[in-house]
Amino acid sequence: MVRRKSVTDGDDNASPTFEDALAGLEAIVEAMEHEQLPLEELVAYYEKGSVLLDRCEFLLRSARDRIKLITLRNQNEIEPEDESGSDISPASAMPSGPPDGSDDDDDDIRLF
């Protein structure tokens, strides 16, 4: 007979991968929903689930940040420094005033 993996099995000192943390959360939810557990064990499962949830959120946030950085690099939003040492970005090369060169300070919206 195959023994189901307990939610308390494993090394608590090592940081689990996203997949391991998610599997642990799923096992905790399953146990809490379908087993008659004493209060102390329910609280212990909840505590461990909270730690695993924090780990999953951290890993997702980290992955999202890395994807944003890769996307920005691919869109040339982040330019490497040129030989003179100044940082040149596409936004700094754009003129900030109106396209016709006039300094029109009124707040009217113009379509043409």
Protein backbone atom coordinates (compact mmCIF):
# COMPACT_ATOMS: atom_id res chain seq x y z
CA MET A 1 0.00 0.00 0.00
CA VAL A 2 1.35 3.43 -0.95
CA ARG A 3 1.72 5.87 1.91
CA ARG A 4 0.41 9.36 1.22
CA LYS A 5 3.03 12.06 1.71
CA SER A 6 2.46 13.80 5.00
CA VAL A 7 2.42 17.60 5.02
CA THR A 8 4.98 17.50 7.81
CA ASP A 9 7.46 15.29 5.91
CA GLY A 10 10.61 16.86 4.49
CA ASP A 11 13.37 19.15 5.58
CA ASP A 12 11.99 22.31 7.22
CA ASN A 13 15.36 24.10 6.98
CA ALA A 14 15.61 24.05 3.18
CA SER A 15 13.65 26.57 1.15
CA PRO A 16 11.25 24.63 -1.06
CA THR A 17 10.89 25.24 -4.77
CA PHE A 18 7.65 26.81 -5.98
CA GLU A 19 6.34 23.42 -7.08
CA ASP A 20 7.21 21.80 -3.74
CA ALA A 21 5.62 24.65 -1.77
CA LEU A 22 2.48 24.51 -3.91
CA ALA A 23 2.23 20.72 -3.50
CA GLY A 24 2.63 21.18 0.26
CA LEU A 25 -0.16 23.75 0.30
CA GLU A 26 -2.42 21.42 -1.67
CA ALA A 27 -1.70 18.57 0.76
CA ILE A 28 -2.46 20.83 3.74
CA VAL A 29 -5.76 21.99 2.24
CA GLU A 30 -6.72 18.40 1.44
CA ALA A 31 -5.94 17.25 4.97
CA MET A 32 -7.76 20.17 6.58
CA GLU A 33 -10.85 19.69 4.42
CA HIS A 34 -11.22 15.92 4.55
CA GLU A 35 -9.68 14.66 7.78
CA GLN A 36 -10.93 14.97 11.33
CA LEU A 37 -7.93 16.65 12.93
CA PRO A 38 -7.44 17.85 16.49
CA LEU A 39 -7.27 21.60 16.98
CA GLU A 40 -3.53 21.65 17.68
CA GLU A 41 -2.81 19.81 14.44
CA LEU A 42 -5.11 22.17 12.49
CA VAL A 43 -3.25 25.17 13.90
CA ALA A 44 0.10 23.57 13.04
CA TYR A 45 -1.10 22.90 9.47
CA TYR A 46 -2.34 26.48 9.20
CA GLU A 47 1.02 27.80 10.38
CA LYS A 48 2.96 25.64 7.92
CA GLY A 49 0.54 26.60 5.14
CA SER A 50 1.12 30.27 5.90
CA VAL A 51 4.88 29.80 5.55
CA LEU A 52 4.44 27.90 2.27
CA LEU A 53 2.07 30.57 0.95
CA ASP A 54 4.60 33.29 1.76
CA ARG A 55 7.27 31.27 -0.08
CA CYS A 56 5.03 30.86 -3.16
CA GLU A 57 4.21 34.58 -3.21
CA PHE A 58 7.91 35.48 -2.87
CA LEU A 59 8.88 33.18 -5.74
CA LEU A 60 6.06 34.47 -7.95
CA ARG A 61 6.97 38.09 -7.22
CA SER A 62 10.62 37.33 -7.98
CA ALA A 63 9.74 35.61 -11.26
CA ARG A 64 7.44 38.49 -12.25
CA ASP A 65 10.19 41.03 -11.57
CA ARG A 66 12.69 39.03 -13.62
CA ILE A 67 10.22 38.79 -16.53
CA LYS A 68 9.61 42.55 -16.40
CA LEU A 69 13.36 43.19 -16.49
CA ILE A 70 13.84 40.83 -19.44
CA THR A 71 10.93 42.49 -21.27
CA LEU A 72 12.35 45.96 -20.66
CA ARG A 73 15.75 44.87 -21.91
CA ASN A 74 14.19 43.35 -25.02
CA GLN A 75 12.32 46.58 -25.71
CA ASN A 76 15.57 48.54 -25.35
CA GLU A 77 14.10 50.48 -22.43
CA ILE A 78 17.30 49.84 -20.50
CA GLU A 79 20.31 50.93 -22.51
CA PRO A 80 23.88 50.05 -21.55
CA GLU A 81 26.21 52.95 -20.78
CA ASP A 82 28.01 54.38 -23.78
CA GLU A 83 31.78 54.96 -23.92
CA SER A 84 31.53 58.41 -22.30
CA GLY A 85 29.94 56.87 -19.20
CA SER A 86 26.61 58.66 -19.49
CA ASP A 87 23.43 56.67 -19.42
CA ILE A 88 21.38 57.29 -22.55
CA SER A 89 17.78 56.16 -22.65
CA PRO A 90 15.18 56.61 -25.40
CA ALA A 91 13.06 58.80 -23.09
CA SER A 92 15.91 61.27 -22.53
CA ALA A 93 16.46 61.62 -26.28
CA MET A 94 12.84 62.68 -26.87
CA PRO A 95 12.02 66.41 -26.92
CA SER A 96 9.83 67.47 -24.03
CA GLY A 97 8.11 70.44 -25.63
CA PRO A 98 5.43 70.72 -28.32
CA PRO A 99 6.40 69.32 -31.72
CA ASP A 100 6.29 72.71 -33.48
CA GLY A 101 8.83 74.21 -31.06
CA SER A 102 6.48 76.82 -29.62
CA ASP A 103 6.08 77.11 -25.87
CA ASP A 104 2.29 77.06 -25.62
CA ASP A 105 1.38 77.25 -21.92
CA ASP A 106 -2.40 77.28 -22.13
CA ASP A 107 -4.29 74.18 -21.05
CA ASP A 108 -6.45 73.86 -24.16
CA ILE A 109 -6.68 70.45 -25.75
CA ARG A 110 -5.90 70.57 -29.44
CA LEU A 111 -6.48 67.78 -31.87
CA PHE A 112 -4.52 69.36 -34.73
